Amino acid sequence: MKNLLAALPLAIAAALAGCSNVPLTTSKEPMATDFAVKRARFEMNCPDASASVLSKQTIVPPMLASRFGAVEHAEFTIGVAGCGKRETLVVLCADMADGCFAADGRR
């Protein structure tokens, strides 16, 4: 029993070492950028369009927080340009989700 209690701090430290402290905006940025560029290439009919992140932040949408509990989202404003066209998309990616969606942007 004494050995078990002595090993407990090591087990806790090992478990915590496996947890990631990567910000949500950092972990979701590649997915959001990929989503934005694919959508823009289709909507702009421009296979050469490229994207860049203009801004990013972590938010808890008020409507979702009141109905479903606090779900963090990474919100990105992404600019896409190509074929003489430019578009801005707002992309939201929920924590613990495998996808993103785009709100209306500006063209």
PDB file of N, CA and C in Angstrom:
ATOM      1  N   MET A   1       0.818  -1.189   0.000  1.00  0.00           N
ATOM      2  CA  MET A   1       0.000   0.000   0.000  1.00  0.00           C
ATOM      3  C   MET A   1       0.867   1.260   0.000  1.00  0.00           C
ATOM      4  N   LYS A   2       1.994   1.164   0.762  1.00  0.00           N
ATOM      5  CA  LYS A   2       2.901   2.301   0.841  1.00  0.00           C
ATOM      6  C   LYS A   2       3.511   2.600  -0.531  1.00  0.00           C
ATOM      7  N   ASN A   3       3.862   1.542  -1.269  1.00  0.00           N
ATOM      8  CA  ASN A   3       4.430   1.712  -2.606  1.00  0.00           C
ATOM      9  C   ASN A   3       3.418   2.316  -3.569  1.00  0.00           C
ATOM     10  N   LEU A   4       2.154   1.942  -3.394  1.00  0.00           N
ATOM     11  CA  LEU A   4       1.094   2.472  -4.244  1.00  0.00           C
ATOM     12  C   LEU A   4       0.930   3.971  -4.027  1.00  0.00           C
ATOM     13  N   LEU A   5       0.956   4.402  -2.765  1.00  0.00           N
ATOM     14  CA  LEU A   5       0.836   5.829  -2.456  1.00  0.00           C
ATOM     15  C   LEU A   5       2.048   6.603  -2.949  1.00  0.00           C
ATOM     16  N   ALA A   6       3.205   5.986  -2.910  1.00  0.00           N
ATOM     17  CA  ALA A   6       4.414   6.646  -3.400  1.00  0.00           C
ATOM     18  C   ALA A   6       4.379   6.798  -4.919  1.00  0.00           C
ATOM     19  N   ALA A   7       3.752   5.858  -5.603  1.00  0.00           N
ATOM     20  CA  ALA A   7       3.689   5.894  -7.061  1.00  0.00           C
ATOM     21  C   ALA A   7       2.575   6.802  -7.578  1.00  0.00           C
ATOM     22  N   LEU A   8       1.637   7.179  -6.718  1.00  0.00           N
ATOM     23  CA  LEU A   8       0.495   7.994  -7.154  1.00  0.00           C
ATOM     24  C   LEU A   8       0.913   9.332  -7.766  1.00  0.00           C
ATOM     25  N   PRO A   9       1.825  10.098  -7.146  1.00  0.00           N
ATOM     26  CA  PRO A   9       2.228  11.363  -7.793  1.00  0.00           C
ATOM     27  C   PRO A   9       2.845  11.152  -9.171  1.00  0.00           C
ATOM     28  N   LEU A  10       3.598  10.075  -9.340  1.00  0.00           N
ATOM     29  CA  LEU A  10       4.184   9.788 -10.659  1.00  0.00           C
ATOM     30  C   LEU A  10       3.105   9.467 -11.688  1.00  0.00           C
ATOM     31  N   ALA A  11       2.090   8.716 -11.284  1.00  0.00           N
ATOM     32  CA  ALA A  11       0.995   8.380 -12.191  1.00  0.00           C
ATOM     33  C   ALA A  11       0.218   9.628 -12.589  1.00  0.00           C
ATOM     34  N   ILE A  12      -0.013  10.514 -11.647  1.00  0.00           N
ATOM     35  CA  ILE A  12      -0.731  11.758 -11.949  1.00  0.00           C
ATOM     36  C   ILE A  12       0.099  12.623 -12.889  1.00  0.00           C
ATOM     37  N   ALA A  13       1.381  12.736 -12.641  1.00  0.00           N
ATOM     38  CA  ALA A  13       2.254  13.537 -13.510  1.00  0.00           C
ATOM     39  C   ALA A  13       2.286  12.967 -14.923  1.00  0.00           C
ATOM     40  N   ALA A  14       2.336  11.653 -15.033  1.00  0.00           N
ATOM     41  CA  ALA A  14       2.351  11.029 -16.359  1.00  0.00           C
ATOM     42  C   ALA A  14       1.038  11.267 -17.087  1.00  0.00           C
ATOM     43  N   ALA A  15      -0.068  11.202 -16.377  1.00  0.00           N
ATOM     44  CA  ALA A  15      -1.376  11.438 -17.002  1.00  0.00           C
ATOM     45  C   ALA A  15      -1.499  12.876 -17.469  1.00  0.00           C
ATOM     46  N   LEU A  16      -1.022  13.809 -16.653  1.00  0.00           N
ATOM     47  CA  LEU A  16      -1.103  15.219 -17.034  1.00  0.00           C
ATOM     48  C   LEU A  16      -0.169  15.555 -18.182  1.00  0.00           C
ATOM     49  N   ALA A  17       0.934  14.860 -18.284  1.00  0.00           N
ATOM     50  CA  ALA A  17       1.869  15.102 -19.386  1.00  0.00           C
ATOM     51  C   ALA A  17       1.232  14.767 -20.722  1.00  0.00           C
ATOM     52  N   GLY A  18       0.286  13.842 -20.728  1.00  0.00           N
ATOM     53  CA  GLY A  18      -0.387  13.469 -21.962  1.00  0.00           C
ATOM     54  C   GLY A  18      -1.428  14.479 -22.402  1.00  0.00           C
ATOM     55  N   CYS A  19      -1.857  15.353 -21.503  1.00  0.00           N
ATOM     56  CA  CYS A  19      -2.850  16.379 -21.846  1.00  0.00           C
ATOM     57  C   CYS A  19      -2.181  17.463 -22.678  1.00  0.00           C
ATOM     58  N   SER A  20      -2.919  17.988 -23.624  1.00  0.00           N
ATOM     59  CA  SER A  20      -2.381  19.011 -24.518  1.00  0.00           C
ATOM     60  C   SER A  20      -2.852  20.390 -24.089  1.00  0.00           C
ATOM     61  N   ASN A  21      -1.933  21.336 -24.079  1.00  0.00           N
ATOM     62  CA  ASN A  21      -2.273  22.719 -23.773  1.00  0.00           C
ATOM     63  C   ASN A  21      -2.238  23.572 -25.032  1.00  0.00           C
ATOM     64  N   VAL A  22      -2.421  22.961 -26.183  1.00  0.00           N
ATOM     65  CA  VAL A  22      -2.407  23.678 -27.447  1.00  0.00           C
ATOM     66  C   VAL A  22      -3.705  24.477 -27.556  1.00  0.00           C
ATOM     67  N   PRO A  23      -3.609  25.792 -27.824  1.00  0.00           N
ATOM     68  CA  PRO A  23      -4.831  26.592 -27.970  1.00  0.00           C
ATOM     69  C   PRO A  23      -5.723  26.048 -29.089  1.00  0.00           C
ATOM     70  N   LEU A  24      -7.029  26.192 -28.893  1.00  0.00           N
ATOM     71  CA  LEU A  24      -7.999  25.700 -29.867  1.00  0.00           C
ATOM     72  C   LEU A  24      -7.768  26.326 -31.238  1.00  0.00           C
ATOM     73  N   THR A  25      -7.446  27.614 -31.273  1.00  0.00           N
ATOM     74  CA  THR A  25      -7.219  28.276 -32.562  1.00  0.00           C
ATOM     75  C   THR A  25      -6.000  27.704 -33.283  1.00  0.00           C
ATOM     76  N   THR A  26      -5.027  27.247 -32.543  1.00  0.00           N
ATOM     77  CA  THR A  26      -3.841  26.650 -33.163  1.00  0.00           C
ATOM     78  C   THR A  26      -4.152  25.262 -33.715  1.00  0.00           C
ATOM     79  N   SER A  27      -4.881  24.467 -32.943  1.00  0.00           N
ATOM     80  CA  SER A  27      -5.163  23.103 -33.396  1.00  0.00           C
ATOM     81  C   SER A  27      -6.172  23.058 -34.545  1.00  0.00           C
ATOM     82  N   LYS A  28      -7.076  24.014 -34.619  1.00  0.00           N
ATOM     83  CA  LYS A  28      -8.117  24.002 -35.653  1.00  0.00           C
ATOM     84  C   LYS A  28      -7.764  24.824 -36.894  1.00  0.00           C
ATOM     85  N   GLU A  29      -6.687  25.626 -36.840  1.00  0.00           N
ATOM     86  CA  GLU A  29      -6.359  26.497 -37.968  1.00  0.00           C
ATOM     87  C   GLU A  29      -6.148  25.761 -39.290  1.00  0.00           C
ATOM     88  N   PRO A  30      -5.402  24.656 -39.332  1.00  0.00           N
ATOM     89  CA  PRO A  30      -5.236  23.966 -40.625  1.00  0.00           C
ATOM     90  C   PRO A  30      -6.570  23.480 -41.207  1.00  0.00           C
ATOM     91  N   MET A  31      -7.456  22.969 -40.349  1.00  0.00           N
ATOM     92  CA  MET A  31      -8.756  22.488 -40.816  1.00  0.00           C
ATOM     93  C   MET A  31      -9.606  23.655 -41.335  1.00  0.00           C
ATOM     94  N   ALA A  32      -9.595  24.765 -40.611  1.00  0.00           N
ATOM     95  CA  ALA A  32     -10.387  25.929 -41.019  1.00  0.00           C
ATOM     96  C   ALA A  32      -9.888  26.506 -42.343  1.00  0.00           C
ATOM     97  N   THR A  33      -8.581  26.600 -42.493  1.00  0.00           N
ATOM     98  CA  THR A  33      -8.003  27.132 -43.733  1.00  0.00           C
ATOM     99  C   THR A  33      -8.320  26.222 -44.910  1.00  0.00           C
ATOM    100  N   ASP A  34      -8.180  24.923 -44.706  1.00  0.00           N
ATOM    101  CA  ASP A  34      -8.485  23.952 -45.763  1.00  0.00           C
ATOM    102  C   ASP A  34      -9.959  24.048 -46.166  1.00  0.00           C
ATOM    103  N   PHE A  35     -10.838  24.140 -45.184  1.00  0.00           N
ATOM    104  CA  PHE A  35     -12.266  24.264 -45.451  1.00  0.00           C
ATOM    105  C   PHE A  35     -12.560  25.530 -46.260  1.00  0.00           C
ATOM    106  N   ALA A  36     -11.977  26.658 -45.835  1.00  0.00           N
ATOM    107  CA  ALA A  36     -12.227  27.934 -46.507  1.00  0.00           C
ATOM    108  C   ALA A  36     -11.740  27.922 -47.952  1.00  0.00           C
ATOM    109  N   VAL A  37     -10.558  27.378 -48.177  1.00  0.00           N
ATOM    110  CA  VAL A  37     -10.017  27.402 -49.534  1.00  0.00           C
ATOM    111  C   VAL A  37     -10.806  26.471 -50.455  1.00  0.00           C
ATOM    112  N   LYS A  38     -11.242  25.327 -49.954  1.00  0.00           N
ATOM    113  CA  LYS A  38     -12.055  24.425 -50.780  1.00  0.00           C
ATOM    114  C   LYS A  38     -13.387  25.073 -51.145  1.00  0.00           C
ATOM    115  N   ARG A  39     -14.028  25.702 -50.178  1.00  0.00           N
ATOM    116  CA  ARG A  39     -15.304  26.356 -50.462  1.00  0.00           C
ATOM    117  C   ARG A  39     -15.120  27.519 -51.433  1.00  0.00           C
ATOM    118  N   ALA A  40     -14.098  28.325 -51.210  1.00  0.00           N
ATOM    119  CA  ALA A  40     -13.870  29.477 -52.081  1.00  0.00           C
ATOM    120  C   ALA A  40     -13.501  29.051 -53.496  1.00  0.00           C
ATOM    121  N   ARG A  41     -12.712  28.008 -53.632  1.00  0.00           N
ATOM    122  CA  ARG A  41     -12.363  27.529 -54.977  1.00  0.00           C
ATOM    123  C   ARG A  41     -13.617  27.125 -55.745  1.00  0.00           C
ATOM    124  N   PHE A  42     -14.570  26.521 -55.052  1.00  0.00           N
ATOM    125  CA  PHE A  42     -15.815  26.135 -55.694  1.00  0.00           C
ATOM    126  C   PHE A  42     -16.665  27.364 -56.016  1.00  0.00           C
ATOM    127  N   GLU A  43     -16.900  28.211 -55.021  1.00  0.00           N
ATOM    128  CA  GLU A  43     -17.785  29.363 -55.219  1.00  0.00           C
ATOM    129  C   GLU A  43     -17.213  30.385 -56.199  1.00  0.00           C
ATOM    130  N   MET A  44     -15.887  30.548 -56.196  1.00  0.00           N
ATOM    131  CA  MET A  44     -15.262  31.508 -57.092  1.00  0.00           C
ATOM    132  C   MET A  44     -14.920  30.888 -58.440  1.00  0.00           C
ATOM    133  N   ASN A  45     -15.112  29.565 -58.564  1.00  0.00           N
ATOM    134  CA  ASN A  45     -14.736  28.834 -59.765  1.00  0.00           C
ATOM    135  C   ASN A  45     -13.273  29.115 -60.111  1.00  0.00           C
ATOM    136  N   CYS A  46     -12.432  28.964 -59.073  1.00  0.00           N
ATOM    137  CA  CYS A  46     -11.019  29.293 -59.227  1.00  0.00           C
ATOM    138  C   CYS A  46     -10.166  28.242 -58.509  1.00  0.00           C
ATOM    139  N   PRO A  47      -9.655  27.257 -59.242  1.00  0.00           N
ATOM    140  CA  PRO A  47      -8.859  26.208 -58.611  1.00  0.00           C
ATOM    141  C   PRO A  47      -7.526  26.689 -58.049  1.00  0.00           C
ATOM    142  N   ASP A  48      -7.105  27.894 -58.407  1.00  0.00           N
ATOM    143  CA  ASP A  48      -5.824  28.417 -57.927  1.00  0.00           C
ATOM    144  C   ASP A  48      -5.958  29.333 -56.719  1.00  0.00           C
ATOM    145  N   ALA A  49      -7.160  29.467 -56.161  1.00  0.00           N
ATOM    146  CA  ALA A  49      -7.361  30.360 -55.019  1.00  0.00           C
ATOM    147  C   ALA A  49      -6.524  29.893 -53.826  1.00  0.00           C
ATOM    148  N   SER A  50      -6.046  30.865 -53.064  1.00  0.00           N
ATOM    149  CA  SER A  50      -5.264  30.553 -51.862  1.00  0.00           C
ATOM    150  C   SER A  50      -5.842  31.341 -50.688  1.00  0.00           C
ATOM    151  N   ALA A  51      -5.603  30.831 -49.484  1.00  0.00           N
ATOM    152  CA  ALA A  51      -6.209  31.425 -48.293  1.00  0.00           C
ATOM    153  C   ALA A  51      -5.154  31.867 -47.302  1.00  0.00           C
ATOM    154  N   SER A  52      -5.508  32.879 -46.511  1.00  0.00           N
ATOM    155  CA  SER A  52      -4.662  33.298 -45.391  1.00  0.00           C
ATOM    156  C   SER A  52      -5.563  33.729 -44.235  1.00  0.00           C
ATOM    157  N   VAL A  53      -5.139  33.402 -43.034  1.00  0.00           N
ATOM    158  CA  VAL A  53      -5.911  33.735 -41.838  1.00  0.00           C
ATOM    159  C   VAL A  53      -5.698  35.213 -41.531  1.00  0.00           C
ATOM    160  N   LEU A  54      -6.804  35.956 -41.450  1.00  0.00           N
ATOM    161  CA  LEU A  54      -6.736  37.378 -41.150  1.00  0.00           C
ATOM    162  C   LEU A  54      -6.854  37.631 -39.650  1.00  0.00           C
ATOM    163  N   SER A  55      -7.679  36.832 -38.979  1.00  0.00           N
ATOM    164  CA  SER A  55      -7.806  36.940 -37.521  1.00  0.00           C
ATOM    165  C   SER A  55      -8.343  35.624 -36.982  1.00  0.00           C
ATOM    166  N   LYS A  56      -8.129  35.411 -35.677  1.00  0.00           N
ATOM    167  CA  LYS A  56      -8.634  34.202 -35.034  1.00  0.00           C
ATOM    168  C   LYS A  56      -8.844  34.477 -33.556  1.00  0.00           C
ATOM    169  N   GLN A  57      -9.853  33.791 -33.015  1.00  0.00           N
ATOM    170  CA  GLN A  57     -10.141  33.921 -31.596  1.00  0.00           C
ATOM    171  C   GLN A  57     -10.937  32.716 -31.123  1.00  0.00           C
ATOM    172  N   THR A  58     -10.922  32.482 -29.827  1.00  0.00           N
ATOM    173  CA  THR A  58     -11.729  31.424 -29.234  1.00  0.00           C
ATOM    174  C   THR A  58     -12.967  32.060 -28.651  1.00  0.00           C
ATOM    175  N   ILE A  59     -14.140  31.514 -28.967  1.00  0.00           N
ATOM    176  CA  ILE A  59     -15.402  32.077 -28.502  1.00  0.00           C
ATOM    177  C   ILE A  59     -16.305  30.965 -27.956  1.00  0.00           C
ATOM    178  N   VAL A  60     -17.309  31.377 -27.211  1.00  0.00           N
ATOM    179  CA  VAL A  60     -18.404  30.500 -26.814  1.00  0.00           C
ATOM    180  C   VAL A  60     -19.662  31.195 -27.313  1.00  0.00           C
ATOM    181  N   PRO A  61     -20.244  30.724 -28.423  1.00  0.00           N
ATOM    182  CA  PRO A  61     -21.439  31.377 -28.953  1.00  0.00           C
ATOM    183  C   PRO A  61     -22.546  31.404 -27.900  1.00  0.00           C
ATOM    184  N   PRO A  62     -23.128  32.581 -27.617  1.00  0.00           N
ATOM    185  CA  PRO A  62     -24.125  32.708 -26.553  1.00  0.00           C
ATOM    186  C   PRO A  62     -25.327  31.783 -26.718  1.00  0.00           C
ATOM    187  N   MET A  63     -25.812  31.618 -27.927  1.00  0.00           N
ATOM    188  CA  MET A  63     -26.981  30.775 -28.158  1.00  0.00           C
ATOM    189  C   MET A  63     -26.662  29.320 -27.797  1.00  0.00           C
ATOM    190  N   LEU A  64     -25.480  28.861 -28.147  1.00  0.00           N
ATOM    191  CA  LEU A  64     -25.105  27.486 -27.842  1.00  0.00           C
ATOM    192  C   LEU A  64     -24.836  27.300 -26.354  1.00  0.00           C
ATOM    193  N   ALA A  65     -24.224  28.298 -25.723  1.00  0.00           N
ATOM    194  CA  ALA A  65     -23.892  28.175 -24.309  1.00  0.00           C
ATOM    195  C   ALA A  65     -25.151  28.052 -23.465  1.00  0.00           C
ATOM    196  N   SER A  66     -26.195  28.796 -23.815  1.00  0.00           N
ATOM    197  CA  SER A  66     -27.410  28.751 -23.009  1.00  0.00           C
ATOM    198  C   SER A  66     -28.206  27.474 -23.232  1.00  0.00           C
ATOM    199  N   ARG A  67     -28.122  26.884 -24.407  1.00  0.00           N
ATOM    200  CA  ARG A  67     -28.908  25.686 -24.704  1.00  0.00           C
ATOM    201  C   ARG A  67     -28.178  24.383 -24.442  1.00  0.00           C
ATOM    202  N   PHE A  68     -26.906  24.342 -24.756  1.00  0.00           N
ATOM    203  CA  PHE A  68     -26.185  23.075 -24.745  1.00  0.00           C
ATOM    204  C   PHE A  68     -24.987  23.060 -23.812  1.00  0.00           C
ATOM    205  N   GLY A  69     -24.766  24.080 -23.058  1.00  0.00           N
ATOM    206  CA  GLY A  69     -23.576  24.165 -22.225  1.00  0.00           C
ATOM    207  C   GLY A  69     -22.470  24.889 -22.972  1.00  0.00           C
ATOM    208  N   ALA A  70     -21.417  25.209 -22.282  1.00  0.00           N
ATOM    209  CA  ALA A  70     -20.320  25.987 -22.855  1.00  0.00           C
ATOM    210  C   ALA A  70     -19.493  25.136 -23.814  1.00  0.00           C
ATOM    211  N   VAL A  71     -19.627  25.397 -25.093  1.00  0.00           N
ATOM    212  CA  VAL A  71     -18.847  24.714 -26.121  1.00  0.00           C
ATOM    213  C   VAL A  71     -17.949  25.756 -26.779  1.00  0.00           C
ATOM    214  N   GLU A  72     -16.661  25.612 -26.606  1.00  0.00           N
ATOM    215  CA  GLU A  72     -15.738  26.557 -27.224  1.00  0.00           C
ATOM    216  C   GLU A  72     -15.661  26.325 -28.725  1.00  0.00           C
ATOM    217  N   HIS A  73     -15.530  27.420 -29.444  1.00  0.00           N
ATOM    218  CA  HIS A  73     -15.343  27.381 -30.890  1.00  0.00           C
ATOM    219  C   HIS A  73     -14.123  28.228 -31.235  1.00  0.00           C
ATOM    220  N   ALA A  74     -13.400  27.813 -32.236  1.00  0.00           N
ATOM    221  CA  ALA A  74     -12.355  28.646 -32.808  1.00  0.00           C
ATOM    222  C   ALA A  74     -12.998  29.383 -33.979  1.00  0.00           C
ATOM    223  N   GLU A  75     -12.914  30.701 -33.960  1.00  0.00           N
ATOM    224  CA  GLU A  75     -13.493  31.525 -35.022  1.00  0.00           C
ATOM    225  C   GLU A  75     -12.352  32.148 -35.824  1.00  0.00           C
ATOM    226  N   PHE A  76     -12.392  31.933 -37.126  1.00  0.00           N
ATOM    227  CA  PHE A  76     -11.358  32.446 -38.017  1.00  0.00           C
ATOM    228  C   PHE A  76     -11.982  33.359 -39.072  1.00  0.00           C
ATOM    229  N   THR A  77     -11.344  34.465 -39.338  1.00  0.00           N
ATOM    230  CA  THR A  77     -11.670  35.272 -40.506  1.00  0.00           C
ATOM    231  C   THR A  77     -10.567  34.962 -41.510  1.00  0.00           C
ATOM    232  N   ILE A  78     -10.981  34.411 -42.642  1.00  0.00           N
ATOM    233  CA  ILE A  78     -10.013  33.932 -43.628  1.00  0.00           C
ATOM    234  C   ILE A  78     -10.244  34.642 -44.956  1.00  0.00           C
ATOM    235  N   GLY A  79      -9.184  35.215 -45.471  1.00  0.00           N
ATOM    236  CA  GLY A  79      -9.243  35.861 -46.773  1.00  0.00           C
ATOM    237  C   GLY A  79      -8.787  34.888 -47.841  1.00  0.00           C
ATOM    238  N   VAL A  80      -9.546  34.838 -48.934  1.00  0.00           N
ATOM    239  CA  VAL A  80      -9.214  33.954 -50.049  1.00  0.00           C
ATOM    240  C   VAL A  80      -9.133  34.809 -51.306  1.00  0.00           C
ATOM    241  N   ALA A  81      -8.075  34.585 -52.086  1.00  0.00           N
ATOM    242  CA  ALA A  81      -7.896  35.355 -53.320  1.00  0.00           C
ATOM    243  C   ALA A  81      -7.435  34.436 -54.438  1.00  0.00           C
ATOM    244  N   GLY A  82      -7.878  34.785 -55.663  1.00  0.00           N
ATOM    245  CA  GLY A  82      -7.460  34.039 -56.843  1.00  0.00           C
ATOM    246  C   GLY A  82      -8.323  34.397 -58.023  1.00  0.00           C
ATOM    247  N   CYS A  83      -7.759  34.276 -59.212  1.00  0.00           N
ATOM    248  CA  CYS A  83      -8.476  34.542 -60.470  1.00  0.00           C
ATOM    249  C   CYS A  83      -9.076  35.945 -60.498  1.00  0.00           C
ATOM    250  N   GLY A  84      -8.375  36.890 -59.899  1.00  0.00           N
ATOM    251  CA  GLY A  84      -8.840  38.273 -59.890  1.00  0.00           C
ATOM    252  C   GLY A  84      -9.992  38.531 -58.929  1.00  0.00           C
ATOM    253  N   LYS A  85     -10.278  37.604 -58.045  1.00  0.00           N
ATOM    254  CA  LYS A  85     -11.385  37.746 -57.094  1.00  0.00           C
ATOM    255  C   LYS A  85     -10.852  37.646 -55.678  1.00  0.00           C
ATOM    256  N   ARG A  86     -11.607  38.256 -54.745  1.00  0.00           N
ATOM    257  CA  ARG A  86     -11.274  38.170 -53.324  1.00  0.00           C
ATOM    258  C   ARG A  86     -12.544  37.912 -52.533  1.00  0.00           C
ATOM    259  N   GLU A  87     -12.410  37.137 -51.479  1.00  0.00           N
ATOM    260  CA  GLU A  87     -13.548  36.788 -50.648  1.00  0.00           C
ATOM    261  C   GLU A  87     -13.082  36.648 -49.206  1.00  0.00           C
ATOM    262  N   THR A  88     -13.950  36.987 -48.283  1.00  0.00           N
ATOM    263  CA  THR A  88     -13.665  36.801 -46.863  1.00  0.00           C
ATOM    264  C   THR A  88     -14.684  35.837 -46.302  1.00  0.00           C
ATOM    265  N   LEU A  89     -14.198  34.819 -45.581  1.00  0.00           N
ATOM    266  CA  LEU A  89     -15.076  33.849 -44.941  1.00  0.00           C
ATOM    267  C   LEU A  89     -14.847  33.873 -43.438  1.00  0.00           C
ATOM    268  N   VAL A  90     -15.923  33.710 -42.680  1.00  0.00           N
ATOM    269  CA  VAL A  90     -15.817  33.502 -41.246  1.00  0.00           C
ATOM    270  C   VAL A  90     -16.074  32.016 -41.023  1.00  0.00           C
ATOM    271  N   VAL A  91     -15.080  31.323 -40.500  1.00  0.00           N
ATOM    272  CA  VAL A  91     -15.158  29.875 -40.315  1.00  0.00           C
ATOM    273  C   VAL A  91     -15.145  29.563 -38.825  1.00  0.00           C
ATOM    274  N   LEU A  92     -16.070  28.714 -38.401  1.00  0.00           N
ATOM    275  CA  LEU A  92     -16.161  28.285 -37.004  1.00  0.00           C
ATOM    276  C   LEU A  92     -15.876  26.794 -36.912  1.00  0.00           C
ATOM    277  N   CYS A  93     -15.041  26.429 -35.959  1.00  0.00           N
ATOM    278  CA  CYS A  93     -14.709  25.028 -35.708  1.00  0.00           C
ATOM    279  C   CYS A  93     -14.940  24.759 -34.222  1.00  0.00           C
ATOM    280  N   ALA A  94     -15.805  23.820 -33.910  1.00  0.00           N
ATOM    281  CA  ALA A  94     -16.125  23.510 -32.518  1.00  0.00           C
ATOM    282  C   ALA A  94     -15.052  22.626 -31.905  1.00  0.00           C
ATOM    283  N   ASP A  95     -14.824  22.851 -30.625  1.00  0.00           N
ATOM    284  CA  ASP A  95     -13.922  21.985 -29.878  1.00  0.00           C
ATOM    285  C   ASP A  95     -14.498  20.572 -29.864  1.00  0.00           C
ATOM    286  N   MET A  96     -13.649  19.585 -29.972  1.00  0.00           N
ATOM    287  CA  MET A  96     -14.027  18.174 -29.962  1.00  0.00           C
ATOM    288  C   MET A  96     -14.937  17.802 -31.131  1.00  0.00           C
ATOM    289  N   ALA A  97     -14.784  18.488 -32.261  1.00  0.00           N
ATOM    290  CA  ALA A  97     -15.546  18.172 -33.471  1.00  0.00           C
ATOM    291  C   ALA A  97     -14.561  17.969 -34.618  1.00  0.00           C
ATOM    292  N   ASP A  98     -14.996  17.234 -35.615  1.00  0.00           N
ATOM    293  CA  ASP A  98     -14.116  16.914 -36.730  1.00  0.00           C
ATOM    294  C   ASP A  98     -14.344  17.769 -37.965  1.00  0.00           C
ATOM    295  N   GLY A  99     -15.089  18.843 -37.841  1.00  0.00           N
ATOM    296  CA  GLY A  99     -15.360  19.660 -39.011  1.00  0.00           C
ATOM    297  C   GLY A  99     -15.541  21.110 -38.652  1.00  0.00           C
ATOM    298  N   CYS A 100     -15.701  21.919 -39.670  1.00  0.00           N
ATOM    299  CA  CYS A 100     -15.906  23.353 -39.527  1.00  0.00           C
ATOM    300  C   CYS A 100     -17.092  23.759 -40.401  1.00  0.00           C
ATOM    301  N   PHE A 101     -17.593  24.956 -40.169  1.00  0.00           N
ATOM    302  CA  PHE A 101     -18.611  25.494 -41.064  1.00  0.00           C
ATOM    303  C   PHE A 101     -18.348  26.981 -41.256  1.00  0.00           C
ATOM    304  N   ALA A 102     -18.843  27.510 -42.350  1.00  0.00           N
ATOM    305  CA  ALA A 102     -18.601  28.904 -42.690  1.00  0.00           C
ATOM    306  C   ALA A 102     -19.885  29.700 -42.519  1.00  0.00           C
ATOM    307  N   ALA A 103     -19.729  30.829 -41.859  1.00  0.00           N
ATOM    308  CA  ALA A 103     -20.811  31.809 -41.791  1.00  0.00           C
ATOM    309  C   ALA A 103     -20.688  32.663 -43.049  1.00  0.00           C
ATOM    310  N   ASP A 104     -21.680  33.491 -43.305  1.00  0.00           N
ATOM    311  CA  ASP A 104     -21.603  34.363 -44.472  1.00  0.00           C
ATOM    312  C   ASP A 104     -20.409  35.291 -44.356  1.00  0.00           C
ATOM    313  N   GLY A 105     -19.668  35.404 -45.423  1.00  0.00           N
ATOM    314  CA  GLY A 105     -18.530  36.308 -45.469  1.00  0.00           C
ATOM    315  C   GLY A 105     -18.838  37.470 -46.378  1.00  0.00           C
ATOM    316  N   ARG A 106     -17.793  38.167 -46.769  1.00  0.00           N
ATOM    317  CA  ARG A 106     -17.957  39.310 -47.677  1.00  0.00           C
ATOM    318  C   ARG A 106     -17.191  39.052 -48.950  1.00  0.00           C
ATOM    319  N   ARG A 107     -17.779  39.492 -50.041  1.00  0.00           N
ATOM    320  CA  ARG A 107     -17.120  39.314 -51.345  1.00  0.00           C
ATOM    321  C   ARG A 107     -16.680  40.640 -51.872  1.00  0.00           C
TER     322      ARG A 107
END
